[in-house]
């Protein structure tokens, strides 16, 4: 999983280019469905006069992965100083590799001369990959005749007649292009004369250094990449934590500001609550006060003269509880009937009716209608 987006950046690579004339060069066909490294080692066992363990070897795979440029040299052909310089390089390849990326139109032989050395590659006009390669070192800078003879020899190896011979200049370099490694020939103006891009998976096979050294280097690189990813993950977590801390700080500041604003408004809120309480009290006193005398007067109009109220009380805002007596028991029923006809009453109840020594006592409960069921006496809700 990538922690960063995939960018196609171009950056220089510390590369060492070994003289191609010191290598045994061959173009080997590949089976696309088999591992390339195993096929290259098998080909070297059949072609090289020395065991593979005594060689510096590598291979550059064609873009169509059907052919590989295989190169090998005995380790004694390189000095200890040269090998020590390789350890500081990111990749070590023969300088002929960049020439394989020329891709000329039609049949051609491409030559690249550098001092007293000449590298060459031949194309048959049918494939984008060369069909033959050759490298040679001369005692001095090669003359025109020597280059012509070299080109003729290379054309004979490729089975070509008299192809066009083109001289390519430039200095080899390597640079990182996205996930690939570009090997190029660059002229003095910085223009790319020839080059090819090697996939990341084929970079280790491209390198000529000792395979054990490359394996250790690969493990170290993987460890470094793991450490880098862990570092990126830690930085991302730290950034997230810092963001959350800033958000929490902003929330605390906002809450504190809101608390200050609430505290500043508290006196005004207290005044409003006091005013609202007074308003509610006035409304209670005005509209919902107990209207005892109005209720008593309402039921007193229908009361026969023989009935006397001994005790009266209220039950809530709209009900009366009365204890009464009379010398005429018949007036109790008459009074009850008269009360039930009053439109302001919701309930009339006679209870505990008793008669003793010619005096009848009873309890009377009346409830007046509320605002939803009718008007109470005097307009009470």
Protein backbone atom coordinates (compact mmCIF):
# COMPACT_ATOMS: atom_id res chain seq x y z
CA UNK A 1 0.00 0.00 0.00
CA UNK A 2 1.36 3.39 -0.97
CA UNK A 3 1.38 6.19 1.57
CA UNK A 4 2.05 8.80 -1.09
CA UNK A 5 0.56 9.31 -4.58
CA UNK A 6 2.46 7.90 -7.54
CA UNK A 7 4.35 10.81 -9.09
CA UNK A 8 6.41 10.53 -12.29
CA UNK A 9 9.47 12.41 -11.11
CA UNK A 10 12.81 12.51 -12.86
CA UNK A 11 15.90 12.43 -10.64
CA UNK A 12 19.56 11.57 -11.36
CA UNK A 13 20.97 8.21 -10.31
CA UNK A 14 24.55 7.51 -9.24
CA UNK A 15 25.49 4.98 -11.94
CA UNK A 16 28.83 3.46 -12.90
CA UNK A 17 29.35 2.46 -16.54
CA UNK A 18 31.87 -0.32 -17.16
CA UNK A 19 33.67 -0.58 -20.54
CA UNK A 20 31.64 -2.91 -22.73
CA UNK A 21 34.73 -4.27 -24.52
CA UNK A 22 35.63 -6.23 -21.38
CA UNK A 23 32.39 -8.22 -21.53
CA UNK A 24 31.25 -11.24 -23.43
CA UNK A 25 28.10 -9.91 -25.20
CA UNK A 26 25.28 -12.05 -26.53
CA UNK A 27 21.59 -11.59 -27.42
CA UNK A 28 19.64 -14.48 -25.87
CA UNK A 29 16.00 -15.36 -26.70
CA UNK A 30 13.66 -15.62 -23.71
CA UNK A 31 10.54 -17.59 -22.87
CA UNK A 32 8.05 -14.97 -21.63
CA UNK A 33 6.41 -17.37 -19.15
CA UNK A 34 9.65 -18.31 -17.32
CA UNK A 35 11.79 -16.30 -14.85
CA UNK A 36 14.36 -14.23 -16.72
CA UNK A 37 17.20 -14.63 -14.20
CA UNK A 38 17.09 -18.42 -14.41
CA UNK A 39 17.14 -18.34 -18.21
CA UNK A 40 20.10 -15.95 -18.23
CA UNK A 41 22.12 -18.10 -15.81
CA UNK A 42 21.35 -21.20 -17.87
CA UNK A 43 22.49 -19.42 -21.04
CA UNK A 44 25.73 -18.29 -19.36
CA UNK A 45 26.52 -21.82 -18.24
CA UNK A 46 26.42 -22.90 -21.87
CA UNK A 47 28.15 -19.87 -23.41
CA UNK A 48 30.76 -18.65 -20.91
CA UNK A 49 34.09 -20.50 -20.55
CA UNK A 50 34.11 -19.86 -16.79
CA UNK A 51 31.68 -20.77 -13.99
CA UNK A 52 29.04 -18.17 -13.26
CA UNK A 53 30.42 -17.69 -9.74
CA UNK A 54 33.64 -16.30 -11.25
CA UNK A 55 31.85 -13.77 -13.45
CA UNK A 56 30.41 -10.30 -13.17
CA UNK A 57 27.30 -10.67 -15.26
CA UNK A 58 23.91 -9.16 -15.95
CA UNK A 59 21.23 -8.80 -18.58
CA UNK A 60 19.12 -6.05 -20.14
CA UNK A 61 15.65 -7.33 -21.05
CA UNK A 62 14.01 -6.07 -24.25
CA UNK A 63 10.72 -4.16 -23.88
CA UNK A 64 8.78 -7.06 -25.42
CA UNK A 65 10.56 -9.46 -22.99
CA UNK A 66 11.39 -11.86 -25.82
CA UNK A 67 15.12 -11.11 -25.93
CA UNK A 68 17.81 -10.11 -23.45
CA UNK A 69 21.21 -8.56 -23.98
CA UNK A 70 23.44 -10.75 -21.78
CA UNK A 71 26.90 -9.58 -20.73
CA UNK A 72 29.53 -11.33 -18.59
CA UNK A 73 33.19 -10.77 -17.72
CA UNK A 74 35.70 -12.60 -15.56
CA UNK A 75 36.21 -10.82 -12.27
CA UNK A 76 39.95 -10.49 -12.84
CA UNK A 77 39.33 -8.10 -15.72
CA UNK A 78 38.46 -5.35 -13.22
CA UNK A 79 40.85 -3.76 -10.73
CA UNK A 80 40.23 -3.48 -7.02
CA UNK A 81 39.87 0.30 -7.39
CA UNK A 82 37.14 -0.12 -10.00
CA UNK A 83 35.27 -2.64 -7.87
CA UNK A 84 35.56 -0.39 -4.80
CA UNK A 85 34.06 2.51 -6.77
CA UNK A 86 31.10 0.28 -7.70
CA UNK A 87 30.04 -0.02 -4.07
CA UNK A 88 29.10 3.68 -4.00
CA UNK A 89 26.99 3.40 -7.18
CA UNK A 90 23.30 2.67 -7.29
CA UNK A 91 23.66 0.66 -10.49
CA UNK A 92 26.64 -0.67 -12.49
CA UNK A 93 26.10 -1.57 -16.18
CA UNK A 94 28.17 -1.78 -19.37
CA UNK A 95 28.11 1.46 -21.35
CA UNK A 96 26.66 -0.32 -24.40
CA UNK A 97 23.25 -0.71 -22.73
CA UNK A 98 22.12 2.83 -23.63
CA UNK A 99 22.97 2.18 -27.31
CA UNK A 100 20.34 -0.58 -27.43
CA UNK A 101 17.67 2.09 -27.08
CA UNK A 102 18.44 3.88 -30.39
CA UNK A 103 15.56 2.30 -32.39
CA UNK A 104 16.60 3.46 -35.87
CA UNK A 105 14.26 3.37 -38.86
CA UNK A 106 15.08 0.43 -41.09
CA UNK A 107 18.32 -1.56 -41.35
CA UNK A 108 21.19 0.23 -39.65
CA UNK A 109 24.38 -0.12 -37.63
CA UNK A 110 24.78 2.39 -34.80
CA UNK A 111 28.27 3.11 -33.45
CA UNK A 112 29.20 4.94 -30.27
CA UNK A 113 32.88 5.92 -29.90
CA UNK A 114 34.41 7.01 -26.60
CA UNK A 115 38.15 7.63 -26.73
CA UNK A 116 39.84 4.43 -27.88
CA UNK A 117 36.70 2.28 -27.50
CA UNK A 118 33.81 1.66 -29.91
CA UNK A 119 30.44 0.09 -29.11
CA UNK A 120 28.08 -1.02 -31.85
CA UNK A 121 24.57 -2.43 -32.31
CA UNK A 122 22.86 -3.62 -35.50
CA UNK A 123 19.15 -3.59 -36.40
CA UNK A 124 17.49 -5.60 -39.17
CA UNK A 125 14.58 -3.18 -39.59
CA UNK A 126 12.01 -5.68 -38.33
CA UNK A 127 12.46 -5.49 -34.54
CA UNK A 128 12.92 -2.57 -32.16
CA UNK A 129 15.69 -4.50 -30.36
CA UNK A 130 19.12 -4.99 -31.97
CA UNK A 131 19.95 -8.36 -33.50
CA UNK A 132 23.70 -8.11 -32.80
CA UNK A 133 26.02 -6.10 -30.54
CA UNK A 134 29.79 -5.72 -30.42
CA UNK A 135 32.40 -3.73 -28.47
CA UNK A 136 36.14 -3.28 -28.98
CA UNK A 137 39.02 -1.31 -27.55
CA UNK A 138 41.71 0.07 -29.91
CA UNK A 139 45.30 1.01 -29.05
CA UNK A 140 44.39 4.62 -29.83
CA UNK A 141 41.38 6.59 -31.03
CA UNK A 142 40.00 4.54 -33.96
CA UNK A 143 40.39 5.91 -37.46
CA UNK A 144 37.64 6.11 -40.03
CA UNK A 145 38.83 2.88 -41.66
CA UNK A 146 38.90 1.08 -38.34
CA UNK A 147 35.36 2.18 -37.55
CA UNK A 148 34.23 1.10 -41.03
CA UNK A 149 35.85 -2.30 -40.59
CA UNK A 150 34.25 -2.61 -37.14
CA UNK A 151 30.84 -1.79 -38.60
CA UNK A 152 31.33 -4.31 -41.43
CA UNK A 153 32.25 -7.02 -38.90
CA UNK A 154 29.15 -6.20 -36.82
CA UNK A 155 26.90 -6.28 -39.89
CA UNK A 156 28.32 -9.71 -40.77
CA UNK A 157 27.45 -10.98 -37.29
CA UNK A 158 23.89 -9.70 -37.76
CA UNK A 159 23.59 -11.26 -41.22
CA UNK A 160 23.13 -7.89 -42.90
CA UNK A 161 24.52 -6.82 -46.26
CA UNK A 162 25.75 -3.24 -46.41
CA UNK A 163 23.60 -1.34 -43.93
CA UNK A 164 23.75 2.37 -43.22
CA UNK A 165 26.31 3.19 -40.54
CA UNK A 166 25.54 6.01 -38.15
CA UNK A 167 27.82 7.43 -35.53
CA UNK A 168 26.18 8.33 -32.21
CA UNK A 169 27.79 10.70 -29.72
CA UNK A 170 27.00 11.49 -26.14
CA UNK A 171 27.83 10.45 -22.60
CA UNK A 172 25.98 7.68 -20.75
CA UNK A 173 23.92 8.59 -17.72
CA UNK A 174 21.16 7.11 -15.57
CA UNK A 175 18.15 8.77 -14.03
CA UNK A 176 15.03 7.71 -12.19
CA UNK A 177 11.82 8.14 -14.18
CA UNK A 178 8.84 7.28 -12.00
CA UNK A 179 9.30 3.64 -10.98
CA UNK A 180 11.66 2.91 -13.89
CA UNK A 181 15.37 3.44 -14.47
CA UNK A 182 16.32 5.30 -17.65
CA UNK A 183 19.75 4.53 -19.20
CA UNK A 184 20.59 7.20 -21.80
CA UNK A 185 23.25 8.75 -24.02
CA UNK A 186 23.20 12.54 -23.66
CA UNK A 187 25.02 15.04 -25.88
CA UNK A 188 26.76 18.21 -24.68
CA UNK A 189 23.52 20.19 -25.02
CA UNK A 190 21.72 17.82 -22.67
CA UNK A 191 19.57 16.22 -25.37
CA UNK A 192 18.91 12.50 -25.20
CA UNK A 193 20.50 10.77 -28.21
CA UNK A 194 19.52 7.22 -27.27
CA UNK A 195 18.06 5.52 -24.24
CA UNK A 196 15.69 2.98 -22.76
CA UNK A 197 13.71 2.60 -19.53
CA UNK A 198 14.24 -0.47 -17.36
CA UNK A 199 11.36 -1.69 -15.21
CA UNK A 200 11.89 -1.75 -11.46
CA UNK A 201 11.65 -5.53 -11.37
CA UNK A 202 14.53 -5.88 -13.88
CA UNK A 203 16.96 -3.43 -12.26
CA UNK A 204 18.74 -6.02 -10.15
CA UNK A 205 19.25 -8.27 -13.19
CA UNK A 206 20.68 -5.28 -15.08
CA UNK A 207 23.47 -4.79 -12.49
CA UNK A 208 26.76 -6.67 -13.00
CA UNK A 209 27.88 -6.74 -9.37
CA UNK A 210 28.05 -9.81 -7.16
CA UNK A 211 24.59 -11.32 -6.60
CA UNK A 212 25.17 -11.73 -2.84
CA UNK A 213 26.11 -8.04 -2.61
CA UNK A 214 22.99 -7.10 -4.60
CA UNK A 215 20.82 -9.28 -2.34
CA UNK A 216 22.18 -7.58 0.80
CA UNK A 217 21.65 -4.22 -0.89
CA UNK A 218 18.09 -5.17 -1.79
CA UNK A 219 17.34 -6.22 1.81
CA UNK A 220 18.84 -2.99 3.12
CA UNK A 221 16.76 -1.01 0.65
CA UNK A 222 13.60 -2.85 1.70
CA UNK A 223 14.46 -2.20 5.34
CA UNK A 224 15.01 1.47 4.55
CA UNK A 225 11.71 1.64 2.68
CA UNK A 226 9.97 -0.01 5.65
CA UNK A 227 11.56 2.48 8.04
CA UNK A 228 10.55 5.31 5.70
CA UNK A 229 6.96 4.08 5.56
CA UNK A 230 6.87 3.71 9.35
CA UNK A 231 8.27 7.22 9.62
CA UNK A 232 5.63 8.51 7.22
CA UNK A 233 2.95 6.68 9.20
CA UNK A 234 4.29 8.19 12.42
CA UNK A 235 4.36 11.65 10.87
CA UNK A 236 0.82 11.16 9.60
CA UNK A 237 -0.32 10.02 13.06
CA UNK A 238 1.50 12.94 14.66
CA UNK A 239 -0.09 15.32 12.18
CA UNK A 240 -3.51 13.84 12.91
CA UNK A 241 -2.89 14.14 16.65
CA UNK A 242 -1.75 17.73 16.24
CA UNK A 243 -4.84 18.46 14.18
CA UNK A 244 -7.07 16.92 16.84
CA UNK A 245 -5.25 18.91 19.54
CA UNK A 246 -5.76 22.11 17.58
CA UNK A 247 -9.41 21.23 17.06
CA UNK A 248 -9.81 20.54 20.79
CA UNK A 249 -8.06 23.81 21.62
CA UNK A 250 -10.34 25.66 19.23
CA UNK A 251 -13.37 23.96 20.80
CA UNK A 252 -12.19 24.90 24.30
CA UNK A 253 -11.63 28.51 23.22
CA UNK A 254 -15.05 28.59 21.60
CA UNK A 255 -16.66 27.06 24.70
CA UNK A 256 -14.87 29.52 26.96
CA UNK A 257 -15.98 32.45 24.79
CA UNK A 258 -19.54 31.12 24.87
CA UNK A 259 -19.40 30.78 28.65
CA UNK A 260 -18.15 34.37 28.94
CA UNK A 261 -20.97 35.52 26.67
CA UNK A 262 -23.52 33.58 28.75
CA UNK A 263 -22.08 35.01 31.95
CA UNK A 264 -22.28 38.53 30.49
CA UNK A 265 -25.94 37.93 29.59
CA UNK A 266 -26.82 36.41 32.97
CA UNK A 267 -28.01 39.69 34.60
CA UNK A 268 -30.31 40.39 31.65
CA UNK A 269 -31.63 36.82 31.76
CA UNK A 270 -32.29 37.16 35.50
CA UNK A 271 -34.23 40.37 34.87
CA UNK A 272 -36.26 38.68 32.14
CA UNK A 273 -36.99 35.70 34.40
CA UNK A 274 -38.10 38.04 37.19
CA UNK A 275 -40.34 39.96 34.80
CA UNK A 276 -41.77 36.71 33.44
CA UNK A 277 -42.43 35.49 36.98
CA UNK A 278 -44.24 38.69 37.84
CA UNK A 279 -46.27 38.48 34.64
CA UNK A 280 -47.23 34.90 35.40
CA UNK A 281 -48.19 35.86 38.95
CA UNK A 282 -50.33 38.73 37.73
CA UNK A 283 -52.01 36.43 35.23
CA UNK A 284 -52.58 33.89 37.99
CA UNK A 285 -54.06 36.48 40.27
CA UNK A 286 -56.15 37.96 37.48
CA UNK A 287 -57.48 34.92 35.68
CA UNK A 288 -56.85 31.90 37.81
CA UNK A 289 -57.48 33.08 41.36
CA UNK A 290 -59.92 31.22 43.54
CA UNK A 291 -63.39 32.85 43.18
CA UNK A 292 -64.95 31.47 46.30
CA UNK A 293 -67.61 34.08 46.86
CA UNK A 294 -68.76 34.06 43.22
CA UNK A 295 -69.17 30.25 43.34
CA UNK A 296 -70.90 30.41 46.70
CA UNK A 297 -73.27 33.09 45.40
CA UNK A 298 -74.06 30.99 42.32
CA UNK A 299 -75.24 27.98 44.34
CA UNK A 300 -76.80 30.12 47.04
CA UNK A 301 -79.47 31.53 44.68
CA UNK A 302 -81.09 28.12 44.28
CA UNK A 303 -80.83 27.23 48.00
CA UNK A 304 -84.16 26.78 49.85
CA UNK A 305 -84.47 28.89 53.02
CA UNK A 306 -84.66 25.79 55.18
CA UNK A 307 -81.12 24.69 54.22
CA UNK A 308 -78.25 26.18 56.19
CA UNK A 309 -74.54 25.87 55.38
CA UNK A 310 -72.58 24.80 58.45
CA UNK A 311 -69.18 24.72 56.80
CA UNK A 312 -67.89 25.55 53.33
CA UNK A 313 -64.54 24.95 51.68
CA UNK A 314 -62.91 24.71 48.30
CA UNK A 315 -61.46 21.78 46.37
CA UNK A 316 -59.14 23.28 43.79
CA UNK A 317 -60.08 26.37 41.81
CA UNK A 318 -63.50 25.18 40.59
CA UNK A 319 -65.13 23.05 43.30
CA UNK A 320 -66.82 23.56 46.65
CA UNK A 321 -67.23 21.17 49.56
CA UNK A 322 -70.17 22.07 51.84
CA UNK A 323 -71.66 20.58 55.00
CA UNK A 324 -75.28 21.65 55.45
CA UNK A 325 -78.44 20.89 57.45
CA UNK A 326 -82.17 21.40 57.09
CA UNK A 327 -85.42 20.88 59.02
CA UNK A 328 -87.13 19.69 55.81
CA UNK A 329 -85.66 16.57 54.26
CA UNK A 330 -87.64 17.14 51.08
CA UNK A 331 -85.74 20.37 50.41
CA UNK A 332 -82.50 18.40 49.97
CA UNK A 333 -83.80 16.74 46.81
CA UNK A 334 -85.35 20.00 45.64
CA UNK A 335 -81.99 21.77 46.11
CA UNK A 336 -80.12 19.05 44.29
CA UNK A 337 -82.46 19.22 41.33
CA UNK A 338 -82.16 23.02 41.22
CA UNK A 339 -78.35 22.81 41.27
CA UNK A 340 -78.26 20.30 38.42
CA UNK A 341 -80.18 22.73 36.26
CA UNK A 342 -77.53 25.43 36.66
CA UNK A 343 -75.50 25.66 33.38
CA UNK A 344 -72.33 26.67 35.23
CA UNK A 345 -72.14 23.45 37.24
CA UNK A 346 -70.44 20.34 35.92
CA UNK A 347 -71.08 18.05 38.87
CA UNK A 348 -73.46 17.96 41.82
CA UNK A 349 -73.20 15.26 44.48
CA UNK A 350 -75.16 14.78 47.74
CA UNK A 351 -73.49 12.50 50.28
CA UNK A 352 -73.74 11.40 53.89
CA UNK A 353 -77.43 12.17 54.12
CA UNK A 354 -78.54 11.67 57.78
CA UNK A 355 -81.64 12.54 59.78
CA UNK A 356 -81.74 12.89 63.62
CA UNK A 357 -84.20 14.58 65.91
CA UNK A 358 -85.98 16.18 62.97
CA UNK A 359 -82.73 17.65 61.55
CA UNK A 360 -81.27 16.31 58.28
CA UNK A 361 -77.52 16.78 57.67
CA UNK A 362 -75.75 16.11 54.40
CA UNK A 363 -72.59 16.87 52.43
CA UNK A 364 -72.67 18.71 49.13
CA UNK A 365 -69.96 18.64 46.48
CA UNK A 366 -70.28 20.88 43.44
CA UNK A 367 -67.81 21.42 40.60
CA UNK A 368 -68.01 24.30 38.19
CA UNK A 369 -67.20 23.93 34.52
CA UNK A 370 -63.72 25.00 33.40
CA UNK A 371 -62.85 27.05 30.34
CA UNK A 372 -63.01 24.01 28.04
CA UNK A 373 -66.48 22.94 29.23
CA UNK A 374 -68.17 26.29 29.86
CA UNK A 375 -67.75 29.48 31.85
CA UNK A 376 -67.37 29.45 35.61
CA UNK A 377 -69.23 32.07 37.58
CA UNK A 378 -67.92 35.56 37.18
CA UNK A 379 -65.92 34.66 34.02
CA UNK A 380 -63.42 32.43 35.79
CA UNK A 381 -61.59 30.07 33.41
